[in-house]
Amino acid sequence: AGVYAGATQVECTVNGVGERAGNAALEELVMALNTRADHYAC
């Protein structure tokens, strides 16, 4: 949602590892941007 609104950098971790419930998962973010390039235009 942040990217769609204009963010130019995303902070994430491989497999979403991180404190408590974790962070945004790199592999999911990147493949969402890649698969839905028509929507995110990036």
All heavy atoms as atom14 arrays in JSON, in Angstrom:
{
  "sequence": "AGVYAGATQVECTVNGVGERAGNAALEELVMALNTRADHYAC",
  "atom14_mask": [
    [1, 1, 1, 1, 1, 0, 0, 0, 0, 0, 0, 0, 0, 0],
    [1, 1, 1, 1, 0, 0, 0, 0, 0, 0, 0, 0, 0, 0],
    [1, 1, 1, 1, 1, 1, 1, 0, 0, 0, 0, 0, 0, 0],
    [1, 1, 1, 1, 1, 1, 1, 1, 1, 1, 1, 1, 0, 0],
    [1, 1, 1, 1, 1, 0, 0, 0, 0, 0, 0, 0, 0, 0],
    [1, 1, 1, 1, 0, 0, 0, 0, 0, 0, 0, 0, 0, 0],
    [1, 1, 1, 1, 1, 0, 0, 0, 0, 0, 0, 0, 0, 0],
    [1, 1, 1, 1, 1, 1, 1, 0, 0, 0, 0, 0, 0, 0],
    [1, 1, 1, 1, 1, 1, 1, 1, 1, 0, 0, 0, 0, 0],
    [1, 1, 1, 1, 1, 1, 1, 0, 0, 0, 0, 0, 0, 0],
    [1, 1, 1, 1, 1, 1, 1, 1, 1, 0, 0, 0, 0, 0],
    [1, 1, 1, 1, 1, 1, 0, 0, 0, 0, 0, 0, 0, 0],
    [1, 1, 1, 1, 1, 1, 1, 0, 0, 0, 0, 0, 0, 0],
    [1, 1, 1, 1, 1, 1, 1, 0, 0, 0, 0, 0, 0, 0],
    [1, 1, 1, 1, 1, 1, 1, 1, 0, 0, 0, 0, 0, 0],
    [1, 1, 1, 1, 0, 0, 0, 0, 0, 0, 0, 0, 0, 0],
    [1, 1, 1, 1, 1, 1, 1, 0, 0, 0, 0, 0, 0, 0],
    [1, 1, 1, 1, 0, 0, 0, 0, 0, 0, 0, 0, 0, 0],
    [1, 1, 1, 1, 1, 1, 1, 1, 1, 0, 0, 0, 0, 0],
    [1, 1, 1, 1, 1, 1, 1, 1, 1, 1, 1, 0, 0, 0],
    [1, 1, 1, 1, 1, 0, 0, 0, 0, 0, 0, 0, 0, 0],
    [1, 1, 1, 1, 0, 0, 0, 0, 0, 0, 0, 0, 0, 0],
    [1, 1, 1, 1, 1, 1, 1, 1, 0, 0, 0, 0, 0, 0],
    [1, 1, 1, 1, 1, 0, 0, 0, 0, 0, 0, 0, 0, 0],
    [1, 1, 1, 1, 1, 0, 0, 0, 0, 0, 0, 0, 0, 0],
    [1, 1, 1, 1, 1, 1, 1, 1, 0, 0, 0, 0, 0, 0],
    [1, 1, 1, 1, 1, 1, 1, 1, 1, 0, 0, 0, 0, 0],
    [1, 1, 1, 1, 1, 1, 1, 1, 1, 0, 0, 0, 0, 0],
    [1, 1, 1, 1, 1, 1, 1, 1, 0, 0, 0, 0, 0, 0],
    [1, 1, 1, 1, 1, 1, 1, 0, 0, 0, 0, 0, 0, 0],
    [1, 1, 1, 1, 1, 1, 1, 1, 0, 0, 0, 0, 0, 0],
    [1, 1, 1, 1, 1, 0, 0, 0, 0, 0, 0, 0, 0, 0],
    [1, 1, 1, 1, 1, 1, 1, 1, 0, 0, 0, 0, 0, 0],
    [1, 1, 1, 1, 1, 1, 1, 1, 0, 0, 0, 0, 0, 0],
    [1, 1, 1, 1, 1, 1, 1, 0, 0, 0, 0, 0, 0, 0],
    [1, 1, 1, 1, 1, 1, 1, 1, 1, 1, 1, 0, 0, 0],
    [1, 1, 1, 1, 1, 0, 0, 0, 0, 0, 0, 0, 0, 0],
    [1, 1, 1, 1, 1, 1, 1, 1, 0, 0, 0, 0, 0, 0],
    [1, 1, 1, 1, 1, 1, 1, 1, 1, 1, 0, 0, 0, 0],
    [1, 1, 1, 1, 1, 1, 1, 1, 1, 1, 1, 1, 0, 0],
    [1, 1, 1, 1, 1, 0, 0, 0, 0, 0, 0, 0, 0, 0],
    [1, 1, 1, 1, 1, 1, 0, 0, 0, 0, 0, 0, 0, 0]
  ],
  "atom14_positions": [
    [[0.84, -1.21, 0.0], [0.0, 0.0, 0.0], [0.87, 1.25, 0.0], [0.57, 2.24, -0.68], [-0.93, 0.0, 1.22], [0.0, 0.0, 0.0], [0.0, 0.0, 0.0], [0.0, 0.0, 0.0], [0.0, 0.0, 0.0], [0.0, 0.0, 0.0], [0.0, 0.0, 0.0], [0.0, 0.0, 0.0], [0.0, 0.0, 0.0], [0.0, 0.0, 0.0]],
    [[1.98, 1.2, 0.76], [2.9, 2.33, 0.77], [3.54, 2.56, -0.58], [3.67, 3.71, -1.04], [0.0, 0.0, 0.0], [0.0, 0.0, 0.0], [0.0, 0.0, 0.0], [0.0, 0.0, 0.0], [0.0, 0.0, 0.0], [0.0, 0.0, 0.0], [0.0, 0.0, 0.0], [0.0, 0.0, 0.0], [0.0, 0.0, 0.0], [0.0, 0.0, 0.0]],
    [[3.93, 1.48, -1.25], [4.5, 1.59, -2.59], [3.48, 2.17, -3.57], [3.79, 3.06, -4.37], [4.99, 0.22, -3.08], [5.33, 0.25, -4.57], [6.2, -0.23, -2.27], [0.0, 0.0, 0.0], [0.0, 0.0, 0.0], [0.0, 0.0, 0.0], [0.0, 0.0, 0.0], [0.0, 0.0, 0.0], [0.0, 0.0, 0.0], [0.0, 0.0, 0.0]],
    [[2.27, 1.69, -3.5], [1.21, 2.16, -4.4], [0.97, 3.66, -4.22], [0.67, 4.37, -5.18], [-0.08, 1.39, -4.13], [-1.18, 1.63, -5.14], [-1.1, 1.07, -6.41], [-2.28, 2.43, -4.84], [-2.09, 1.29, -7.35], [-3.27, 2.66, -5.77], [-3.18, 2.08, -7.03], [-4.16, 2.31, -7.97], [0.0, 0.0, 0.0], [0.0, 0.0, 0.0]],
    [[1.17, 4.13, -2.98], [0.95, 5.55, -2.69], [2.16, 6.42, -2.98], [2.08, 7.65, -2.88], [0.53, 5.73, -1.23], [0.0, 0.0, 0.0], [0.0, 0.0, 0.0], [0.0, 0.0, 0.0], [0.0, 0.0, 0.0], [0.0, 0.0, 0.0], [0.0, 0.0, 0.0], [0.0, 0.0, 0.0], [0.0, 0.0, 0.0], [0.0, 0.0, 0.0]],
    [[3.3, 5.79, -3.34], [4.45, 6.59, -3.74], [5.75, 6.32, -3.03], [6.75, 6.98, -3.32], [0.0, 0.0, 0.0], [0.0, 0.0, 0.0], [0.0, 0.0, 0.0], [0.0, 0.0, 0.0], [0.0, 0.0, 0.0], [0.0, 0.0, 0.0], [0.0, 0.0, 0.0], [0.0, 0.0, 0.0], [0.0, 0.0, 0.0], [0.0, 0.0, 0.0]],
    [[5.8, 5.38, -2.09], [7.07, 5.05, -1.44], [8.05, 4.51, -2.48], [7.66, 3.81, -3.41], [6.86, 4.02, -0.33], [0.0, 0.0, 0.0], [0.0, 0.0, 0.0], [0.0, 0.0, 0.0], [0.0, 0.0, 0.0], [0.0, 0.0, 0.0], [0.0, 0.0, 0.0], [0.0, 0.0, 0.0], [0.0, 0.0, 0.0], [0.0, 0.0, 0.0]],
    [[9.33, 4.82, -2.3], [10.34, 4.4, -3.27], [11.31, 3.36, -2.7], [12.18, 2.88, -3.41], [11.14, 5.61, -3.76], [11.72, 6.28, -2.63], [10.24, 6.58, -4.52], [0.0, 0.0, 0.0], [0.0, 0.0, 0.0], [0.0, 0.0, 0.0], [0.0, 0.0, 0.0], [0.0, 0.0, 0.0], [0.0, 0.0, 0.0], [0.0, 0.0, 0.0]],
    [[11.17, 3.04, -1.42], [12.0, 2.01, -0.79], [11.12, 1.19, 0.15], [10.25, 1.74, 0.82], [13.15, 2.65, -0.01], [14.01, 1.64, 0.76], [15.16, 2.29, 1.52], [16.11, 2.77, 0.93], [15.05, 2.31, 2.85], [0.0, 0.0, 0.0], [0.0, 0.0, 0.0], [0.0, 0.0, 0.0], [0.0, 0.0, 0.0], [0.0, 0.0, 0.0]],
    [[11.38, -0.12, 0.2], [10.67, -1.01, 1.11], [11.69, -1.76, 1.96], [12.67, -2.3, 1.44], [9.79, -2.03, 0.35], [9.06, -2.93, 1.33], [8.8, -1.33, -0.55], [0.0, 0.0, 0.0], [0.0, 0.0, 0.0], [0.0, 0.0, 0.0], [0.0, 0.0, 0.0], [0.0, 0.0, 0.0], [0.0, 0.0, 0.0], [0.0, 0.0, 0.0]],
    [[11.44, -1.81, 3.27], [12.32, -2.51, 4.18], [11.68, -3.83, 4.57], [10.5, -3.88, 4.95], [12.62, -1.64, 5.41], [13.13, -0.26, 4.98], [13.78, 0.54, 6.07], [13.83, 0.06, 7.23], [14.25, 1.65, 5.76], [0.0, 0.0, 0.0], [0.0, 0.0, 0.0], [0.0, 0.0, 0.0], [0.0, 0.0, 0.0], [0.0, 0.0, 0.0]],
    [[12.44, -4.91, 4.45], [11.86, -6.24, 4.6], [12.93, -7.23, 5.01], [14.12, -6.9, 5.09], [11.2, -6.68, 3.29], [12.28, -6.49, 1.84], [0.0, 0.0, 0.0], [0.0, 0.0, 0.0], [0.0, 0.0, 0.0], [0.0, 0.0, 0.0], [0.0, 0.0, 0.0], [0.0, 0.0, 0.0], [0.0, 0.0, 0.0], [0.0, 0.0, 0.0]],
    [[12.52, -8.47, 5.27], [13.45, -9.54, 5.63], [13.11, -10.8, 4.84], [11.96, -11.03, 4.46], [13.41, -9.87, 7.13], [12.09, -10.35, 7.46], [13.74, -8.67, 7.99], [0.0, 0.0, 0.0], [0.0, 0.0, 0.0], [0.0, 0.0, 0.0], [0.0, 0.0, 0.0], [0.0, 0.0, 0.0], [0.0, 0.0, 0.0], [0.0, 0.0, 0.0]],
    [[14.12, -11.62, 4.6], [13.9, -12.9, 3.95], [13.04, -13.78, 4.85], [13.28, -13.89, 6.05], [15.24, -13.59, 3.65], [15.01, -14.97, 3.01], [16.1, -12.71, 2.73], [0.0, 0.0, 0.0], [0.0, 0.0, 0.0], [0.0, 0.0, 0.0], [0.0, 0.0, 0.0], [0.0, 0.0, 0.0], [0.0, 0.0, 0.0], [0.0, 0.0, 0.0]],
    [[12.01, -14.35, 4.29], [11.05, -15.22, 5.0], [10.23, -14.48, 6.06], [9.54, -15.1, 6.85], [11.77, -16.41, 5.67], [12.54, -17.25, 4.67], [12.12, -17.4, 3.53], [13.66, -17.79, 5.08], [0.0, 0.0, 0.0], [0.0, 0.0, 0.0], [0.0, 0.0, 0.0], [0.0, 0.0, 0.0], [0.0, 0.0, 0.0], [0.0, 0.0, 0.0]],
    [[10.35, -13.14, 6.09], [9.59, -12.37, 7.06], [10.06, -12.52, 8.49], [9.32, -12.2, 9.43], [0.0, 0.0, 0.0], [0.0, 0.0, 0.0], [0.0, 0.0, 0.0], [0.0, 0.0, 0.0], [0.0, 0.0, 0.0], [0.0, 0.0, 0.0], [0.0, 0.0, 0.0], [0.0, 0.0, 0.0], [0.0, 0.0, 0.0], [0.0, 0.0, 0.0]],
    [[11.31, -13.01, 8.71], [11.79, -13.19, 10.07], [11.92, -11.83, 10.76], [12.15, -10.81, 10.11], [13.14, -13.94, 10.1], [12.98, -15.34, 9.55], [14.22, -13.19, 9.34], [0.0, 0.0, 0.0], [0.0, 0.0, 0.0], [0.0, 0.0, 0.0], [0.0, 0.0, 0.0], [0.0, 0.0, 0.0], [0.0, 0.0, 0.0], [0.0, 0.0, 0.0]],
    [[11.78, -11.83, 12.06], [11.89, -10.58, 12.81], [11.26, -10.69, 14.17], [10.69, -11.73, 14.53], [0.0, 0.0, 0.0], [0.0, 0.0, 0.0], [0.0, 0.0, 0.0], [0.0, 0.0, 0.0], [0.0, 0.0, 0.0], [0.0, 0.0, 0.0], [0.0, 0.0, 0.0], [0.0, 0.0, 0.0], [0.0, 0.0, 0.0], [0.0, 0.0, 0.0]],
    [[11.37, -9.63, 14.93], [10.83, -9.63, 16.28], [9.32, -9.84, 16.29], [8.62, -9.45, 15.36], [11.17, -8.31, 16.98], [12.65, -8.17, 17.31], [12.91, -7.0, 18.22], [12.95, -5.86, 17.74], [13.07, -7.23, 19.44], [0.0, 0.0, 0.0], [0.0, 0.0, 0.0], [0.0, 0.0, 0.0], [0.0, 0.0, 0.0], [0.0, 0.0, 0.0]],
    [[8.85, -10.45, 17.36], [7.43, -10.75, 17.55], [6.9, -11.57, 16.35], [7.39, -12.67, 16.11], [6.62, -9.46, 17.77], [7.14, -8.61, 18.93], [6.25, -7.42, 19.21], [5.88, -6.66, 18.03], [6.64, -5.73, 17.47], [7.82, -5.42, 17.97], [6.21, -5.08, 16.38], [0.0, 0.0, 0.0], [0.0, 0.0, 0.0], [0.0, 0.0, 0.0]],
    [[5.96, -11.03, 15.6], [5.39, -11.78, 14.47], [6.18, -11.59, 13.19], [5.82, -12.13, 12.15], [3.93, -11.34, 14.25], [0.0, 0.0, 0.0], [0.0, 0.0, 0.0], [0.0, 0.0, 0.0], [0.0, 0.0, 0.0], [0.0, 0.0, 0.0], [0.0, 0.0, 0.0], [0.0, 0.0, 0.0], [0.0, 0.0, 0.0], [0.0, 0.0, 0.0]],
    [[7.27, -10.83, 13.25], [8.13, -10.7, 12.09], [7.92, -9.43, 11.29], [7.16, -8.53, 11.66], [0.0, 0.0, 0.0], [0.0, 0.0, 0.0], [0.0, 0.0, 0.0], [0.0, 0.0, 0.0], [0.0, 0.0, 0.0], [0.0, 0.0, 0.0], [0.0, 0.0, 0.0], [0.0, 0.0, 0.0], [0.0, 0.0, 0.0], [0.0, 0.0, 0.0]],
    [[8.61, -9.37, 10.16], [8.61, -8.22, 9.26], [7.92, -8.58, 7.95], [7.52, -9.72, 7.73], [10.04, -7.78, 8.96], [10.75, -7.19, 10.15], [10.7, -7.73, 11.25], [11.42, -6.08, 9.96], [0.0, 0.0, 0.0], [0.0, 0.0, 0.0], [0.0, 0.0, 0.0], [0.0, 0.0, 0.0], [0.0, 0.0, 0.0], [0.0, 0.0, 0.0]],
    [[7.83, -7.61, 7.07], [7.34, -7.89, 5.72], [8.3, -8.85, 5.04], [9.52, -8.67, 5.1], [7.23, -6.59, 4.93], [0.0, 0.0, 0.0], [0.0, 0.0, 0.0], [0.0, 0.0, 0.0], [0.0, 0.0, 0.0], [0.0, 0.0, 0.0], [0.0, 0.0, 0.0], [0.0, 0.0, 0.0], [0.0, 0.0, 0.0], [0.0, 0.0, 0.0]],
    [[7.76, -9.89, 4.4], [8.58, -10.92, 3.76], [9.06, -10.45, 2.4], [8.26, -10.13, 1.52], [7.78, -12.21, 3.63], [0.0, 0.0, 0.0], [0.0, 0.0, 0.0], [0.0, 0.0, 0.0], [0.0, 0.0, 0.0], [0.0, 0.0, 0.0], [0.0, 0.0, 0.0], [0.0, 0.0, 0.0], [0.0, 0.0, 0.0], [0.0, 0.0, 0.0]],
    [[10.37, -10.44, 2.21], [10.97, -9.99, 0.95], [10.4, -10.72, -0.24], [10.02, -10.11, -1.25], [12.49, -10.16, 1.03], [13.3, -9.8, -0.22], [14.68, -9.27, 0.18], [13.48, -10.98, -1.16], [0.0, 0.0, 0.0], [0.0, 0.0, 0.0], [0.0, 0.0, 0.0], [0.0, 0.0, 0.0], [0.0, 0.0, 0.0], [0.0, 0.0, 0.0]],
    [[10.36, -12.06, -0.14], [9.95, -12.85, -1.31], [8.5, -12.58, -1.71], [8.17, -12.56, -2.91], [10.16, -14.35, -1.03], [9.37, -14.95, 0.12], [9.95, -14.63, 1.48], [11.03, -14.02, 1.56], [9.29, -15.0, 2.47], [0.0, 0.0, 0.0], [0.0, 0.0, 0.0], [0.0, 0.0, 0.0], [0.0, 0.0, 0.0], [0.0, 0.0, 0.0]],
    [[7.65, -12.32, -0.74], [6.25, -12.03, -1.05], [6.11, -10.63, -1.66], [5.36, -10.42, -2.62], [5.4, -12.16, 0.21], [5.4, -13.58, 0.79], [4.68, -13.68, 2.12], [3.77, -12.86, 2.37], [5.04, -14.55, 2.93], [0.0, 0.0, 0.0], [0.0, 0.0, 0.0], [0.0, 0.0, 0.0], [0.0, 0.0, 0.0], [0.0, 0.0, 0.0]],
    [[6.83, -9.67, -1.09], [6.79, -8.3, -1.62], [7.26, -8.25, -3.06], [6.59, -7.69, -3.94], [7.7, -7.41, -0.77], [7.11, -6.78, 0.48], [8.23, -6.22, 1.33], [6.14, -5.68, 0.1], [0.0, 0.0, 0.0], [0.0, 0.0, 0.0], [0.0, 0.0, 0.0], [0.0, 0.0, 0.0], [0.0, 0.0, 0.0], [0.0, 0.0, 0.0]],
    [[8.43, -8.82, -3.29], [9.04, -8.73, -4.61], [8.2, -9.44, -5.66], [8.0, -8.92, -6.77], [10.48, -9.29, -4.57], [11.05, -9.42, -5.98], [11.36, -8.4, -3.72], [0.0, 0.0, 0.0], [0.0, 0.0, 0.0], [0.0, 0.0, 0.0], [0.0, 0.0, 0.0], [0.0, 0.0, 0.0], [0.0, 0.0, 0.0], [0.0, 0.0, 0.0]],
    [[7.68, -10.62, -5.32], [6.89, -11.34, -6.31], [5.52, -10.7, -6.53], [4.94, -10.8, -7.62], [6.75, -12.81, -5.92], [8.06, -13.59, -6.04], [8.96, -13.32, -7.6], [7.81, -14.06, -8.79], [0.0, 0.0, 0.0], [0.0, 0.0, 0.0], [0.0, 0.0, 0.0], [0.0, 0.0, 0.0], [0.0, 0.0, 0.0], [0.0, 0.0, 0.0]],
    [[4.99, -10.02, -5.51], [3.75, -9.27, -5.71], [3.99, -8.11, -6.67], [3.18, -7.88, -7.6], [3.23, -8.74, -4.37], [0.0, 0.0, 0.0], [0.0, 0.0, 0.0], [0.0, 0.0, 0.0], [0.0, 0.0, 0.0], [0.0, 0.0, 0.0], [0.0, 0.0, 0.0], [0.0, 0.0, 0.0], [0.0, 0.0, 0.0], [0.0, 0.0, 0.0]],
    [[5.09, -7.38, -6.49], [5.42, -6.29, -7.41], [5.7, -6.81, -8.82], [5.32, -6.19, -9.81], [6.64, -5.52, -6.89], [6.45, -4.74, -5.59], [7.78, -4.16, -5.12], [5.42, -3.64, -5.75], [0.0, 0.0, 0.0], [0.0, 0.0, 0.0], [0.0, 0.0, 0.0], [0.0, 0.0, 0.0], [0.0, 0.0, 0.0], [0.0, 0.0, 0.0]],
    [[6.35, -7.97, -8.88], [6.7, -8.55, -10.18], [5.46, -9.09, -10.9], [5.27, -8.86, -12.1], [7.71, -9.67, -9.95], [8.29, -10.21, -11.24], [8.99, -9.5, -11.95], [8.01, -11.46, -11.55], [0.0, 0.0, 0.0], [0.0, 0.0, 0.0], [0.0, 0.0, 0.0], [0.0, 0.0, 0.0], [0.0, 0.0, 0.0], [0.0, 0.0, 0.0]],
    [[4.63, -9.8, -10.15], [3.45, -10.44, -10.76], [2.38, -9.42, -11.1], [1.69, -9.54, -12.11], [2.88, -11.5, -9.79], [3.91, -12.44, -9.46], [1.7, -12.24, -10.42], [0.0, 0.0, 0.0], [0.0, 0.0, 0.0], [0.0, 0.0, 0.0], [0.0, 0.0, 0.0], [0.0, 0.0, 0.0], [0.0, 0.0, 0.0], [0.0, 0.0, 0.0]],
    [[2.23, -8.39, -10.27], [1.2, -7.38, -10.5], [1.81, -6.03, -10.91], [1.39, -4.97, -10.44], [0.34, -7.22, -9.24], [-0.51, -8.43, -8.91], [-1.39, -8.89, -10.07], [-2.15, -7.81, -10.7], [-3.32, -7.36, -10.27], [-3.89, -7.93, -9.22], [-3.93, -6.38, -10.9], [0.0, 0.0, 0.0], [0.0, 0.0, 0.0], [0.0, 0.0, 0.0]],
    [[2.79, -6.12, -11.8], [3.4, -4.89, -12.31], [2.37, -4.01, -13.01], [2.51, -2.78, -13.04], [4.53, -5.24, -13.27], [0.0, 0.0, 0.0], [0.0, 0.0, 0.0], [0.0, 0.0, 0.0], [0.0, 0.0, 0.0], [0.0, 0.0, 0.0], [0.0, 0.0, 0.0], [0.0, 0.0, 0.0], [0.0, 0.0, 0.0], [0.0, 0.0, 0.0]],
    [[1.31, -4.63, -13.53], [0.26, -3.86, -14.17], [-0.45, -2.94, -13.17], [-0.91, -1.85, -13.52], [-0.77, -4.8, -14.82], [-1.42, -5.73, -13.78], [-0.71, -6.26, -12.91], [-2.64, -5.92, -13.86], [0.0, 0.0, 0.0], [0.0, 0.0, 0.0], [0.0, 0.0, 0.0], [0.0, 0.0, 0.0], [0.0, 0.0, 0.0], [0.0, 0.0, 0.0]],
    [[-0.52, -3.38, -11.92], [-1.23, -2.62, -10.88], [-0.3, -1.6, -10.2], [-0.69, -0.44, -10.0], [-1.81, -3.58, -9.84], [-2.52, -2.9, -8.71], [-3.73, -2.27, -8.87], [-2.17, -2.75, -7.4], [-4.11, -1.77, -7.7], [-3.18, -2.04, -6.79], [0.0, 0.0, 0.0], [0.0, 0.0, 0.0], [0.0, 0.0, 0.0], [0.0, 0.0, 0.0]],
    [[0.89, -2.05, -9.83], [1.79, -1.19, -9.08], [2.66, -0.3, -9.97], [3.22, 0.69, -9.5], [2.68, -2.03, -8.15], [1.9, -2.71, -7.06], [1.59, -4.06, -7.12], [1.43, -1.99, -5.96], [0.85, -4.69, -6.13], [0.69, -2.6, -4.96], [0.4, -3.95, -5.05], [-0.34, -4.56, -4.07], [0.0, 0.0, 0.0], [0.0, 0.0, 0.0]],
    [[2.81, -0.67, -11.23], [3.6, 0.11, -12.19], [5.01, 0.39, -11.67], [5.53, 1.49, -11.79], [2.89, 1.42, -12.52], [0.0, 0.0, 0.0], [0.0, 0.0, 0.0], [0.0, 0.0, 0.0], [0.0, 0.0, 0.0], [0.0, 0.0, 0.0], [0.0, 0.0, 0.0], [0.0, 0.0, 0.0], [0.0, 0.0, 0.0], [0.0, 0.0, 0.0]],
    [[5.61, -0.62, -11.06], [6.98, -0.48, -10.58], [7.6, -1.87, -10.47], [6.92, -2.89, -10.54], [7.02, 0.23, -9.23], [6.08, -0.59, -7.94], [0.0, 0.0, 0.0], [0.0, 0.0, 0.0], [0.0, 0.0, 0.0], [0.0, 0.0, 0.0], [0.0, 0.0, 0.0], [0.0, 0.0, 0.0], [0.0, 0.0, 0.0], [0.0, 0.0, 0.0]]
  ]
}
